[in-house]
Amino acid sequence: MAGAARVWARVGALSGAAAVAAASYGAHGLRRSDRDEYQKELYETANRFHLLHSLALLAAPHCRRPALAGSLLCAGLGLFCLPLYYHGLSGDPGLNRAAPLGGTLLILGWAAMAL
């Protein structure tokens, strides 16, 4: 694994740590809050995608184009998960329009790993 490609494994590890921390908050703080079930579901969806795509980032250094795959996955994580986390925590759907673009970038990130 080349030095420049290893950065994606580190980014994936840090992202995974953040996903586990967010899951801990979701399990112990958010579940006991007065937020409605839809907000809790949004948070759980964001967390599930966050953790799964953090694992994909760990694999990015092993593909032929790690910079492309890693960049697409990181951008997708930000544009998909952050709006859902935000909506789940605040109840404000103002950022939700970014989620479809983020989902598309996640799909492209997986496809880039196949190149």
PDB file of N, CA and C in Angstrom:
ATOM      1  N   MET A   1       0.864  -1.172   0.000  1.00  0.00           N
ATOM      2  CA  MET A   1       0.000   0.000   0.000  1.00  0.00           C
ATOM      3  C   MET A   1       0.904   1.227   0.000  1.00  0.00           C
ATOM      4  N   ALA A   2       0.719   2.089  -0.984  1.00  0.00           N
ATOM      5  CA  ALA A   2       1.532   3.291  -1.108  1.00  0.00           C
ATOM      6  C   ALA A   2       1.195   4.284   0.002  1.00  0.00           C
ATOM      7  N   GLY A   3       2.174   5.136   0.324  1.00  0.00           N
ATOM      8  CA  GLY A   3       2.003   6.106   1.403  1.00  0.00           C
ATOM      9  C   GLY A   3       0.819   7.029   1.199  1.00  0.00           C
ATOM     10  N   ALA A   4       0.651   7.524  -0.024  1.00  0.00           N
ATOM     11  CA  ALA A   4      -0.456   8.446  -0.298  1.00  0.00           C
ATOM     12  C   ALA A   4      -1.806   7.742  -0.179  1.00  0.00           C
ATOM     13  N   ALA A   5      -1.847   6.471  -0.510  1.00  0.00           N
ATOM     14  CA  ALA A   5      -3.104   5.727  -0.432  1.00  0.00           C
ATOM     15  C   ALA A   5      -3.483   5.419   1.013  1.00  0.00           C
ATOM     16  N   ARG A   6      -2.461   5.308   1.890  1.00  0.00           N
ATOM     17  CA  ARG A   6      -2.730   4.964   3.289  1.00  0.00           C
ATOM     18  C   ARG A   6      -3.571   6.005   4.010  1.00  0.00           C
ATOM     19  N   VAL A   7      -3.551   7.233   3.490  1.00  0.00           N
ATOM     20  CA  VAL A   7      -4.331   8.279   4.139  1.00  0.00           C
ATOM     21  C   VAL A   7      -5.808   7.901   4.193  1.00  0.00           C
ATOM     22  N   TRP A   8      -6.296   7.179   3.185  1.00  0.00           N
ATOM     23  CA  TRP A   8      -7.718   6.801   3.169  1.00  0.00           C
ATOM     24  C   TRP A   8      -8.033   5.781   4.246  1.00  0.00           C
ATOM     25  N   ALA A   9      -7.081   4.919   4.574  1.00  0.00           N
ATOM     26  CA  ALA A   9      -7.292   3.985   5.684  1.00  0.00           C
ATOM     27  C   ALA A   9      -7.385   4.759   6.994  1.00  0.00           C
ATOM     28  N   ARG A  10      -6.558   5.777   7.155  1.00  0.00           N
ATOM     29  CA  ARG A  10      -6.623   6.590   8.377  1.00  0.00           C
ATOM     30  C   ARG A  10      -7.925   7.376   8.448  1.00  0.00           C
ATOM     31  N   VAL A  11      -8.329   7.940   7.314  1.00  0.00           N
ATOM     32  CA  VAL A  11      -9.605   8.666   7.279  1.00  0.00           C
ATOM     33  C   VAL A  11     -10.748   7.714   7.612  1.00  0.00           C
ATOM     34  N   GLY A  12     -10.705   6.507   7.055  1.00  0.00           N
ATOM     35  CA  GLY A  12     -11.735   5.509   7.346  1.00  0.00           C
ATOM     36  C   GLY A  12     -11.763   5.120   8.808  1.00  0.00           C
ATOM     37  N   ALA A  13     -10.580   4.986   9.417  1.00  0.00           N
ATOM     38  CA  ALA A  13     -10.519   4.635  10.842  1.00  0.00           C
ATOM     39  C   ALA A  13     -11.088   5.760  11.709  1.00  0.00           C
ATOM     40  N   LEU A  14     -10.728   6.994  11.389  1.00  0.00           N
ATOM     41  CA  LEU A  14     -11.269   8.125  12.152  1.00  0.00           C
ATOM     42  C   LEU A  14     -12.773   8.272  11.947  1.00  0.00           C
ATOM     43  N   SER A  15     -13.226   8.052  10.722  1.00  0.00           N
ATOM     44  CA  SER A  15     -14.654   8.112  10.432  1.00  0.00           C
ATOM     45  C   SER A  15     -15.392   7.006  11.185  1.00  0.00           C
ATOM     46  N   GLY A  16     -14.799   5.824  11.220  1.00  0.00           N
ATOM     47  CA  GLY A  16     -15.405   4.715  11.964  1.00  0.00           C
ATOM     48  C   GLY A  16     -15.504   5.020  13.449  1.00  0.00           C
ATOM     49  N   ALA A  17     -14.458   5.641  14.008  1.00  0.00           N
ATOM     50  CA  ALA A  17     -14.496   6.028  15.421  1.00  0.00           C
ATOM     51  C   ALA A  17     -15.612   7.036  15.671  1.00  0.00           C
ATOM     52  N   ALA A  18     -15.755   7.992  14.763  1.00  0.00           N
ATOM     53  CA  ALA A  18     -16.834   8.981  14.901  1.00  0.00           C
ATOM     54  C   ALA A  18     -18.199   8.316  14.786  1.00  0.00           C
ATOM     55  N   ALA A  19     -18.317   7.315  13.895  1.00  0.00           N
ATOM     56  CA  ALA A  19     -19.582   6.612  13.732  1.00  0.00           C
ATOM     57  C   ALA A  19     -19.954   5.838  15.001  1.00  0.00           C
ATOM     58  N   VAL A  20     -18.961   5.222  15.631  1.00  0.00           N
ATOM     59  CA  VAL A  20     -19.233   4.490  16.875  1.00  0.00           C
ATOM     60  C   VAL A  20     -19.626   5.462  17.984  1.00  0.00           C
ATOM     61  N   ALA A  21     -18.971   6.612  18.042  1.00  0.00           N
ATOM     62  CA  ALA A  21     -19.347   7.622  19.039  1.00  0.00           C
ATOM     63  C   ALA A  21     -20.773   8.114  18.798  1.00  0.00           C
ATOM     64  N   ALA A  22     -21.117   8.338  17.530  1.00  0.00           N
ATOM     65  CA  ALA A  22     -22.475   8.775  17.209  1.00  0.00           C
ATOM     66  C   ALA A  22     -23.489   7.685  17.544  1.00  0.00           C
ATOM     67  N   ALA A  23     -23.121   6.429  17.320  1.00  0.00           N
ATOM     68  CA  ALA A  23     -24.016   5.318  17.671  1.00  0.00           C
ATOM     69  C   ALA A  23     -24.232   5.258  19.174  1.00  0.00           C
ATOM     70  N   SER A  24     -23.177   5.508  19.928  1.00  0.00           N
ATOM     71  CA  SER A  24     -23.298   5.513  21.383  1.00  0.00           C
ATOM     72  C   SER A  24     -24.263   6.601  21.838  1.00  0.00           C
ATOM     73  N   TYR A  25     -24.135   7.784  21.260  1.00  0.00           N
ATOM     74  CA  TYR A  25     -25.072   8.845  21.607  1.00  0.00           C
ATOM     75  C   TYR A  25     -26.495   8.455  21.210  1.00  0.00           C
ATOM     76  N   GLY A  26     -26.650   7.875  20.024  1.00  0.00           N
ATOM     77  CA  GLY A  26     -27.969   7.459  19.571  1.00  0.00           C
ATOM     78  C   GLY A  26     -28.606   6.432  20.483  1.00  0.00           C
ATOM     79  N   ALA A  27     -27.791   5.503  20.981  1.00  0.00           N
ATOM     80  CA  ALA A  27     -28.317   4.438  21.838  1.00  0.00           C
ATOM     81  C   ALA A  27     -28.605   4.912  23.258  1.00  0.00           C
ATOM     82  N   HIS A  28     -27.820   5.863  23.752  1.00  0.00           N
ATOM     83  CA  HIS A  28     -27.956   6.244  25.155  1.00  0.00           C
ATOM     84  C   HIS A  28     -28.573   7.615  25.382  1.00  0.00           C
ATOM     85  N   GLY A  29     -28.448   8.506  24.418  1.00  0.00           N
ATOM     86  CA  GLY A  29     -28.980   9.850  24.598  1.00  0.00           C
ATOM     87  C   GLY A  29     -30.222  10.119  23.771  1.00  0.00           C
ATOM     88  N   LEU A  30     -30.133   9.811  22.514  1.00  0.00           N
ATOM     89  CA  LEU A  30     -31.228  10.130  21.590  1.00  0.00           C
ATOM     90  C   LEU A  30     -32.462   9.275  21.856  1.00  0.00           C
ATOM     91  N   ARG A  31     -32.280   8.022  22.155  1.00  0.00           N
ATOM     92  CA  ARG A  31     -33.429   7.126  22.376  1.00  0.00           C
ATOM     93  C   ARG A  31     -34.303   7.584  23.540  1.00  0.00           C
ATOM     94  N   ARG A  32     -33.685   8.205  24.507  1.00  0.00           N
ATOM     95  CA  ARG A  32     -34.434   8.642  25.692  1.00  0.00           C
ATOM     96  C   ARG A  32     -34.951  10.067  25.564  1.00  0.00           C
ATOM     97  N   SER A  33     -34.765  10.667  24.396  1.00  0.00           N
ATOM     98  CA  SER A  33     -35.188  12.055  24.222  1.00  0.00           C
ATOM     99  C   SER A  33     -36.652  12.114  23.793  1.00  0.00           C
ATOM    100  N   ASP A  34     -37.148  13.323  23.685  1.00  0.00           N
ATOM    101  CA  ASP A  34     -38.546  13.519  23.295  1.00  0.00           C
ATOM    102  C   ASP A  34     -38.716  13.678  21.779  1.00  0.00           C
ATOM    103  N   ARG A  35     -37.676  13.378  21.010  1.00  0.00           N
ATOM    104  CA  ARG A  35     -37.780  13.477  19.553  1.00  0.00           C
ATOM    105  C   ARG A  35     -38.743  12.412  19.032  1.00  0.00           C
ATOM    106  N   ASP A  36     -39.399  12.716  17.913  1.00  0.00           N
ATOM    107  CA  ASP A  36     -40.349  11.743  17.378  1.00  0.00           C
ATOM    108  C   ASP A  36     -39.604  10.572  16.724  1.00  0.00           C
ATOM    109  N   GLU A  37     -40.336   9.532  16.421  1.00  0.00           N
ATOM    110  CA  GLU A  37     -39.737   8.309  15.884  1.00  0.00           C
ATOM    111  C   GLU A  37     -39.068   8.533  14.532  1.00  0.00           C
ATOM    112  N   TYR A  38     -39.632   9.426  13.724  1.00  0.00           N
ATOM    113  CA  TYR A  38     -39.047   9.706  12.413  1.00  0.00           C
ATOM    114  C   TYR A  38     -37.645  10.302  12.566  1.00  0.00           C
ATOM    115  N   GLN A  39     -37.474  11.221  13.495  1.00  0.00           N
ATOM    116  CA  GLN A  39     -36.158  11.813  13.724  1.00  0.00           C
ATOM    117  C   GLN A  39     -35.157  10.755  14.195  1.00  0.00           C
ATOM    118  N   LYS A  40     -35.594   9.874  15.056  1.00  0.00           N
ATOM    119  CA  LYS A  40     -34.721   8.804  15.532  1.00  0.00           C
ATOM    120  C   LYS A  40     -34.352   7.860  14.386  1.00  0.00           C
ATOM    121  N   GLU A  41     -35.312   7.594  13.507  1.00  0.00           N
ATOM    122  CA  GLU A  41     -35.049   6.742  12.346  1.00  0.00           C
ATOM    123  C   GLU A  41     -34.043   7.393  11.405  1.00  0.00           C
ATOM    124  N   LEU A  42     -34.169   8.694  11.186  1.00  0.00           N
ATOM    125  CA  LEU A  42     -33.203   9.409  10.351  1.00  0.00           C
ATOM    126  C   LEU A  42     -31.796   9.313  10.932  1.00  0.00           C
ATOM    127  N   TYR A  43     -31.690   9.508  12.234  1.00  0.00           N
ATOM    128  CA  TYR A  43     -30.393   9.427  12.901  1.00  0.00           C
ATOM    129  C   TYR A  43     -29.797   8.030  12.743  1.00  0.00           C
ATOM    130  N   GLU A  44     -30.607   7.008  12.948  1.00  0.00           N
ATOM    131  CA  GLU A  44     -30.130   5.624  12.815  1.00  0.00           C
ATOM    132  C   GLU A  44     -29.697   5.316  11.384  1.00  0.00           C
ATOM    133  N   THR A  45     -30.433   5.830  10.395  1.00  0.00           N
ATOM    134  CA  THR A  45     -30.051   5.627   8.999  1.00  0.00           C
ATOM    135  C   THR A  45     -28.717   6.294   8.709  1.00  0.00           C
ATOM    136  N   ALA A  46     -28.561   7.523   9.166  1.00  0.00           N
ATOM    137  CA  ALA A  46     -27.291   8.228   8.975  1.00  0.00           C
ATOM    138  C   ALA A  46     -26.156   7.443   9.615  1.00  0.00           C
ATOM    139  N   ASN A  47     -26.378   6.936  10.807  1.00  0.00           N
ATOM    140  CA  ASN A  47     -25.328   6.219  11.509  1.00  0.00           C
ATOM    141  C   ASN A  47     -24.971   4.909  10.823  1.00  0.00           C
ATOM    142  N   ARG A  48     -25.968   4.198  10.338  1.00  0.00           N
ATOM    143  CA  ARG A  48     -25.719   2.936   9.641  1.00  0.00           C
ATOM    144  C   ARG A  48     -24.869   3.176   8.391  1.00  0.00           C
ATOM    145  N   PHE A  49     -25.265   4.173   7.583  1.00  0.00           N
ATOM    146  CA  PHE A  49     -24.509   4.485   6.378  1.00  0.00           C
ATOM    147  C   PHE A  49     -23.111   5.001   6.723  1.00  0.00           C
ATOM    148  N   HIS A  50     -23.004   5.769   7.787  1.00  0.00           N
ATOM    149  CA  HIS A  50     -21.723   6.302   8.224  1.00  0.00           C
ATOM    150  C   HIS A  50     -20.757   5.158   8.556  1.00  0.00           C
ATOM    151  N   LEU A  51     -21.218   4.208   9.345  1.00  0.00           N
ATOM    152  CA  LEU A  51     -20.353   3.104   9.742  1.00  0.00           C
ATOM    153  C   LEU A  51     -19.997   2.208   8.554  1.00  0.00           C
ATOM    154  N   LEU A  52     -20.973   1.867   7.734  1.00  0.00           N
ATOM    155  CA  LEU A  52     -20.699   0.988   6.591  1.00  0.00           C
ATOM    156  C   LEU A  52     -19.734   1.626   5.596  1.00  0.00           C
ATOM    157  N   HIS A  53     -19.888   2.903   5.355  1.00  0.00           N
ATOM    158  CA  HIS A  53     -19.014   3.552   4.388  1.00  0.00           C
ATOM    159  C   HIS A  53     -17.658   3.914   4.983  1.00  0.00           C
ATOM    160  N   SER A  54     -17.567   3.954   6.306  1.00  0.00           N
ATOM    161  CA  SER A  54     -16.254   4.065   6.944  1.00  0.00           C
ATOM    162  C   SER A  54     -15.450   2.792   6.673  1.00  0.00           C
ATOM    163  N   LEU A  55     -16.118   1.662   6.698  1.00  0.00           N
ATOM    164  CA  LEU A  55     -15.454   0.396   6.370  1.00  0.00           C
ATOM    165  C   LEU A  55     -15.004   0.388   4.909  1.00  0.00           C
ATOM    166  N   ALA A  56     -15.829   0.949   4.029  1.00  0.00           N
ATOM    167  CA  ALA A  56     -15.439   1.034   2.622  1.00  0.00           C
ATOM    168  C   ALA A  56     -14.193   1.905   2.468  1.00  0.00           C
ATOM    169  N   LEU A  57     -14.099   2.980   3.249  1.00  0.00           N
ATOM    170  CA  LEU A  57     -12.902   3.823   3.192  1.00  0.00           C
ATOM    171  C   LEU A  57     -11.648   3.053   3.610  1.00  0.00           C
ATOM    172  N   LEU A  58     -11.803   2.119   4.528  1.00  0.00           N
ATOM    173  CA  LEU A  58     -10.659   1.297   4.928  1.00  0.00           C
ATOM    174  C   LEU A  58     -10.139   0.458   3.768  1.00  0.00           C
ATOM    175  N   ALA A  59     -11.014   0.118   2.850  1.00  0.00           N
ATOM    176  CA  ALA A  59     -10.623  -0.688   1.694  1.00  0.00           C
ATOM    177  C   ALA A  59     -10.125   0.147   0.516  1.00  0.00           C
ATOM    178  N   ALA A  60     -10.381   1.427   0.533  1.00  0.00           N
ATOM    179  CA  ALA A  60     -10.012   2.285  -0.598  1.00  0.00           C
ATOM    180  C   ALA A  60      -8.529   2.198  -0.977  1.00  0.00           C
ATOM    181  N   PRO A  61      -7.590   2.110  -0.030  1.00  0.00           N
ATOM    182  CA  PRO A  61      -6.184   2.041  -0.429  1.00  0.00           C
ATOM    183  C   PRO A  61      -5.837   0.801  -1.243  1.00  0.00           C
ATOM    184  N   HIS A  62      -6.693  -0.190  -1.222  1.00  0.00           N
ATOM    185  CA  HIS A  62      -6.411  -1.437  -1.915  1.00  0.00           C
ATOM    186  C   HIS A  62      -6.971  -1.477  -3.332  1.00  0.00           C
ATOM    187  N   CYS A  63      -7.646  -0.435  -3.746  1.00  0.00           N
ATOM    188  CA  CYS A  63      -8.174  -0.424  -5.111  1.00  0.00           C
ATOM    189  C   CYS A  63      -7.188   0.297  -6.030  1.00  0.00           C
ATOM    190  N   ARG A  64      -7.465   0.271  -7.308  1.00  0.00           N
ATOM    191  CA  ARG A  64      -6.547   0.832  -8.291  1.00  0.00           C
ATOM    192  C   ARG A  64      -6.472   2.353  -8.242  1.00  0.00           C
ATOM    193  N   ARG A  65      -7.566   2.993  -7.890  1.00  0.00           N
ATOM    194  CA  ARG A  65      -7.619   4.455  -7.823  1.00  0.00           C
ATOM    195  C   ARG A  65      -8.089   4.909  -6.435  1.00  0.00           C
ATOM    196  N   PRO A  66      -7.213   4.803  -5.453  1.00  0.00           N
ATOM    197  CA  PRO A  66      -7.632   5.106  -4.086  1.00  0.00           C
ATOM    198  C   PRO A  66      -8.040   6.560  -3.873  1.00  0.00           C
ATOM    199  N   ALA A  67      -7.384   7.493  -4.546  1.00  0.00           N
ATOM    200  CA  ALA A  67      -7.739   8.907  -4.349  1.00  0.00           C
ATOM    201  C   ALA A  67      -9.143   9.185  -4.864  1.00  0.00           C
ATOM    202  N   LEU A  68      -9.493   8.616  -5.994  1.00  0.00           N
ATOM    203  CA  LEU A  68     -10.831   8.813  -6.555  1.00  0.00           C
ATOM    204  C   LEU A  68     -11.885   8.175  -5.660  1.00  0.00           C
ATOM    205  N   ALA A  69     -11.677   6.917  -5.312  1.00  0.00           N
ATOM    206  CA  ALA A  69     -12.658   6.213  -4.479  1.00  0.00           C
ATOM    207  C   ALA A  69     -12.789   6.877  -3.109  1.00  0.00           C
ATOM    208  N   GLY A  70     -11.664   7.198  -2.480  1.00  0.00           N
ATOM    209  CA  GLY A  70     -11.704   7.818  -1.163  1.00  0.00           C
ATOM    210  C   GLY A  70     -12.367   9.184  -1.174  1.00  0.00           C
ATOM    211  N   SER A  71     -12.069   9.976  -2.191  1.00  0.00           N
ATOM    212  CA  SER A  71     -12.676  11.310  -2.291  1.00  0.00           C
ATOM    213  C   SER A  71     -14.186  11.224  -2.479  1.00  0.00           C
ATOM    214  N   LEU A  72     -14.615  10.332  -3.355  1.00  0.00           N
ATOM    215  CA  LEU A  72     -16.050  10.179  -3.594  1.00  0.00           C
ATOM    216  C   LEU A  72     -16.763   9.681  -2.337  1.00  0.00           C
ATOM    217  N   LEU A  73     -16.164   8.720  -1.654  1.00  0.00           N
ATOM    218  CA  LEU A  73     -16.787   8.185  -0.438  1.00  0.00           C
ATOM    219  C   LEU A  73     -16.848   9.244   0.664  1.00  0.00           C
ATOM    220  N   CYS A  74     -15.782  10.013   0.823  1.00  0.00           N
ATOM    221  CA  CYS A  74     -15.788  11.072   1.864  1.00  0.00           C
ATOM    222  C   CYS A  74     -16.822  12.145   1.558  1.00  0.00           C
ATOM    223  N   ALA A  75     -16.849  12.586   0.311  1.00  0.00           N
ATOM    224  CA  ALA A  75     -17.835  13.610  -0.055  1.00  0.00           C
ATOM    225  C   ALA A  75     -19.252  13.063   0.114  1.00  0.00           C
ATOM    226  N   GLY A  76     -19.451  11.813  -0.286  1.00  0.00           N
ATOM    227  CA  GLY A  76     -20.766  11.193  -0.128  1.00  0.00           C
ATOM    228  C   GLY A  76     -21.177  11.062   1.324  1.00  0.00           C
ATOM    229  N   LEU A  77     -20.227  10.680   2.177  1.00  0.00           N
ATOM    230  CA  LEU A  77     -20.530  10.581   3.612  1.00  0.00           C
ATOM    231  C   LEU A  77     -20.976  11.928   4.165  1.00  0.00           C
ATOM    232  N   GLY A  78     -20.248  12.963   3.796  1.00  0.00           N
ATOM    233  CA  GLY A  78     -20.598  14.290   4.295  1.00  0.00           C
ATOM    234  C   GLY A  78     -21.943  14.776   3.815  1.00  0.00           C
ATOM    235  N   LEU A  79     -22.206  14.578   2.529  1.00  0.00           N
ATOM    236  CA  LEU A  79     -23.444  15.104   1.953  1.00  0.00           C
ATOM    237  C   LEU A  79     -24.661  14.224   2.216  1.00  0.00           C
ATOM    238  N   PHE A  80     -24.436  12.973   2.569  1.00  0.00           N
ATOM    239  CA  PHE A  80     -25.571  12.097   2.873  1.00  0.00           C
ATOM    240  C   PHE A  80     -25.825  12.036   4.378  1.00  0.00           C
ATOM    241  N   CYS A  81     -24.801  11.727   5.146  1.00  0.00           N
ATOM    242  CA  CYS A  81     -25.003  11.477   6.577  1.00  0.00           C
ATOM    243  C   CYS A  81     -25.218  12.745   7.385  1.00  0.00           C
ATOM    244  N   LEU A  82     -24.442  13.783   7.117  1.00  0.00           N
ATOM    245  CA  LEU A  82     -24.567  14.992   7.939  1.00  0.00           C
ATOM    246  C   LEU A  82     -25.958  15.614   7.887  1.00  0.00           C
ATOM    247  N   PRO A  83     -26.598  15.743   6.706  1.00  0.00           N
ATOM    248  CA  PRO A  83     -27.961  16.286   6.718  1.00  0.00           C
ATOM    249  C   PRO A  83     -28.946  15.416   7.506  1.00  0.00           C
ATOM    250  N   LEU A  84     -28.768  14.097   7.445  1.00  0.00           N
ATOM    251  CA  LEU A  84     -29.671  13.215   8.189  1.00  0.00           C
ATOM    252  C   LEU A  84     -29.418  13.289   9.689  1.00  0.00           C
ATOM    253  N   TYR A  85     -28.143  13.333  10.073  1.00  0.00           N
ATOM    254  CA  TYR A  85     -27.830  13.547  11.495  1.00  0.00           C
ATOM    255  C   TYR A  85     -28.446  14.866  11.961  1.00  0.00           C
ATOM    256  N   TYR A  86     -28.250  15.919  11.183  1.00  0.00           N
ATOM    257  CA  TYR A  86     -28.753  17.245  11.550  1.00  0.00           C
ATOM    258  C   TYR A  86     -30.273  17.244  11.705  1.00  0.00           C
ATOM    259  N   HIS A  87     -30.966  16.664  10.731  1.00  0.00           N
ATOM    260  CA  HIS A  87     -32.429  16.600  10.791  1.00  0.00           C
ATOM    261  C   HIS A  87     -32.876  15.768  11.989  1.00  0.00           C
ATOM    262  N   GLY A  88     -32.198  14.649  12.214  1.00  0.00           N
ATOM    263  CA  GLY A  88     -32.558  13.804  13.339  1.00  0.00           C
ATOM    264  C   GLY A  88     -32.378  14.486  14.680  1.00  0.00           C
ATOM    265  N   LEU A  89     -31.355  15.320  14.790  1.00  0.00           N
ATOM    266  CA  LEU A  89     -31.085  15.998  16.065  1.00  0.00           C
ATOM    267  C   LEU A  89     -31.882  17.283  16.246  1.00  0.00           C
ATOM    268  N   SER A  90     -32.078  18.012  15.149  1.00  0.00           N
ATOM    269  CA  SER A  90     -32.700  19.342  15.278  1.00  0.00           C
ATOM    270  C   SER A  90     -34.167  19.381  14.862  1.00  0.00           C
ATOM    271  N   GLY A  91     -34.572  18.447  14.025  1.00  0.00           N
ATOM    272  CA  GLY A  91     -35.922  18.485  13.476  1.00  0.00           C
ATOM    273  C   GLY A  91     -36.042  19.391  12.262  1.00  0.00           C
ATOM    274  N   ASP A  92     -34.966  20.040  11.880  1.00  0.00           N
ATOM    275  CA  ASP A  92     -34.948  20.960  10.738  1.00  0.00           C
ATOM    276  C   ASP A  92     -34.527  20.208   9.470  1.00  0.00           C
ATOM    277  N   PRO A  93     -35.419  20.090   8.473  1.00  0.00           N
ATOM    278  CA  PRO A  93     -35.085  19.367   7.245  1.00  0.00           C
ATOM    279  C   PRO A  93     -34.365  20.230   6.206  1.00  0.00           C
ATOM    280  N   GLY A  94     -33.862  21.379   6.600  1.00  0.00           N
ATOM    281  CA  GLY A  94     -33.296  22.333   5.656  1.00  0.00           C
ATOM    282  C   GLY A  94     -32.128  21.816   4.833  1.00  0.00           C
ATOM    283  N   LEU A  95     -31.363  20.877   5.342  1.00  0.00           N
ATOM    284  CA  LEU A  95     -30.205  20.372   4.610  1.00  0.00           C
ATOM    285  C   LEU A  95     -30.486  19.088   3.833  1.00  0.00           C
ATOM    286  N   ASN A  96     -31.695  18.576   3.939  1.00  0.00           N
ATOM    287  CA  ASN A  96     -32.011  17.272   3.343  1.00  0.00           C
ATOM    288  C   ASN A  96     -31.844  17.216   1.832  1.00  0.00           C
ATOM    289  N   ARG A  97     -31.878  18.368   1.176  1.00  0.00           N
ATOM    290  CA  ARG A  97     -31.733  18.358  -0.283  1.00  0.00           C
ATOM    291  C   ARG A  97     -30.357  17.881  -0.725  1.00  0.00           C
ATOM    292  N   ALA A  98     -29.385  17.902   0.155  1.00  0.00           N
ATOM    293  CA  ALA A  98     -28.036  17.431  -0.179  1.00  0.00           C
ATOM    294  C   ALA A  98     -27.937  15.909  -0.137  1.00  0.00           C
ATOM    295  N   ALA A  99     -28.829  15.252   0.564  1.00  0.00           N
ATOM    296  CA  ALA A  99     -28.728  13.802   0.768  1.00  0.00           C
ATOM    297  C   ALA A  99     -28.754  12.994  -0.536  1.00  0.00           C
ATOM    298  N   PRO A 100     -29.622  13.298  -1.512  1.00  0.00           N
ATOM    299  CA  PRO A 100     -29.574  12.518  -2.753  1.00  0.00           C
ATOM    300  C   PRO A 100     -28.242  12.652  -3.497  1.00  0.00           C
ATOM    301  N   LEU A 101     -27.651  13.834  -3.470  1.00  0.00           N
ATOM    302  CA  LEU A 101     -26.332  14.011  -4.080  1.00  0.00           C
ATOM    303  C   LEU A 101     -25.294  13.186  -3.324  1.00  0.00           C
ATOM    304  N   GLY A 102     -25.377  13.202  -2.012  1.00  0.00           N
ATOM    305  CA  GLY A 102     -24.468  12.396  -1.209  1.00  0.00           C
ATOM    306  C   GLY A 102     -24.614  10.912  -1.490  1.00  0.00           C
ATOM    307  N   GLY A 103     -25.850  10.455  -1.616  1.00  0.00           N
ATOM    308  CA  GLY A 103     -26.078   9.048  -1.945  1.00  0.00           C
ATOM    309  C   GLY A 103     -25.503   8.681  -3.303  1.00  0.00           C
ATOM    310  N   THR A 104     -25.650   9.581  -4.259  1.00  0.00           N
ATOM    311  CA  THR A 104     -25.076   9.343  -5.589  1.00  0.00           C
ATOM    312  C   THR A 104     -23.558   9.255  -5.510  1.00  0.00           C
ATOM    313  N   LEU A 105     -22.942  10.117  -4.726  1.00  0.00           N
ATOM    314  CA  LEU A 105     -21.486  10.074  -4.569  1.00  0.00           C
ATOM    315  C   LEU A 105     -21.029   8.793  -3.876  1.00  0.00           C
ATOM    316  N   LEU A 106     -21.820   8.307  -2.937  1.00  0.00           N
ATOM    317  CA  LEU A 106     -21.479   7.021  -2.310  1.00  0.00           C
ATOM    318  C   LEU A 106     -21.509   5.891  -3.333  1.00  0.00           C
ATOM    319  N   ILE A 107     -22.520   5.889  -4.169  1.00  0.00           N
ATOM    320  CA  ILE A 107     -22.617   4.870  -5.221  1.00  0.00           C
ATOM    321  C   ILE A 107     -21.420   4.968  -6.158  1.00  0.00           C
ATOM    322  N   LEU A 108     -21.074   6.186  -6.547  1.00  0.00           N
ATOM    323  CA  LEU A 108     -19.922   6.389  -7.429  1.00  0.00           C
ATOM    324  C   LEU A 108     -18.621   5.964  -6.741  1.00  0.00           C
ATOM    325  N   GLY A 109     -18.536   6.177  -5.430  1.00  0.00           N
ATOM    326  CA  GLY A 109     -17.354   5.736  -4.691  1.00  0.00           C
ATOM    327  C   GLY A 109     -17.191   4.216  -4.731  1.00  0.00           C
ATOM    328  N   TRP A 110     -18.294   3.512  -4.561  1.00  0.00           N
ATOM    329  CA  TRP A 110     -18.236   2.048  -4.691  1.00  0.00           C
ATOM    330  C   TRP A 110     -17.842   1.641  -6.103  1.00  0.00           C
ATOM    331  N   ALA A 111     -18.417   2.315  -7.090  1.00  0.00           N
ATOM    332  CA  ALA A 111     -18.078   1.991  -8.488  1.00  0.00           C
ATOM    333  C   ALA A 111     -16.614   2.281  -8.763  1.00  0.00           C
ATOM    334  N   ALA A 112     -16.075   3.356  -8.200  1.00  0.00           N
ATOM    335  CA  ALA A 112     -14.666   3.694  -8.402  1.00  0.00           C
ATOM    336  C   ALA A 112     -13.751   2.616  -7.815  1.00  0.00           C
ATOM    337  N   MET A 113     -14.203   1.951  -6.781  1.00  0.00           N
ATOM    338  CA  MET A 113     -13.395   0.882  -6.213  1.00  0.00           C
ATOM    339  C   MET A 113     -13.299  -0.311  -7.162  1.00  0.00           C
ATOM    340  N   ALA A 114     -14.241  -0.415  -8.071  1.00  0.00           N
ATOM    341  CA  ALA A 114     -14.228  -1.527  -9.022  1.00  0.00           C
ATOM    342  C   ALA A 114     -13.371  -1.232 -10.252  1.00  0.00           C
ATOM    343  N   LEU A 115     -12.976   0.004 -10.430  1.00  0.00           N
ATOM    344  CA  LEU A 115     -12.157   0.367 -11.610  1.00  0.00           C
ATOM    345  C   LEU A 115     -10.793  -0.271 -11.562  1.00  0.00           C
TER     346      LEU A 115
END
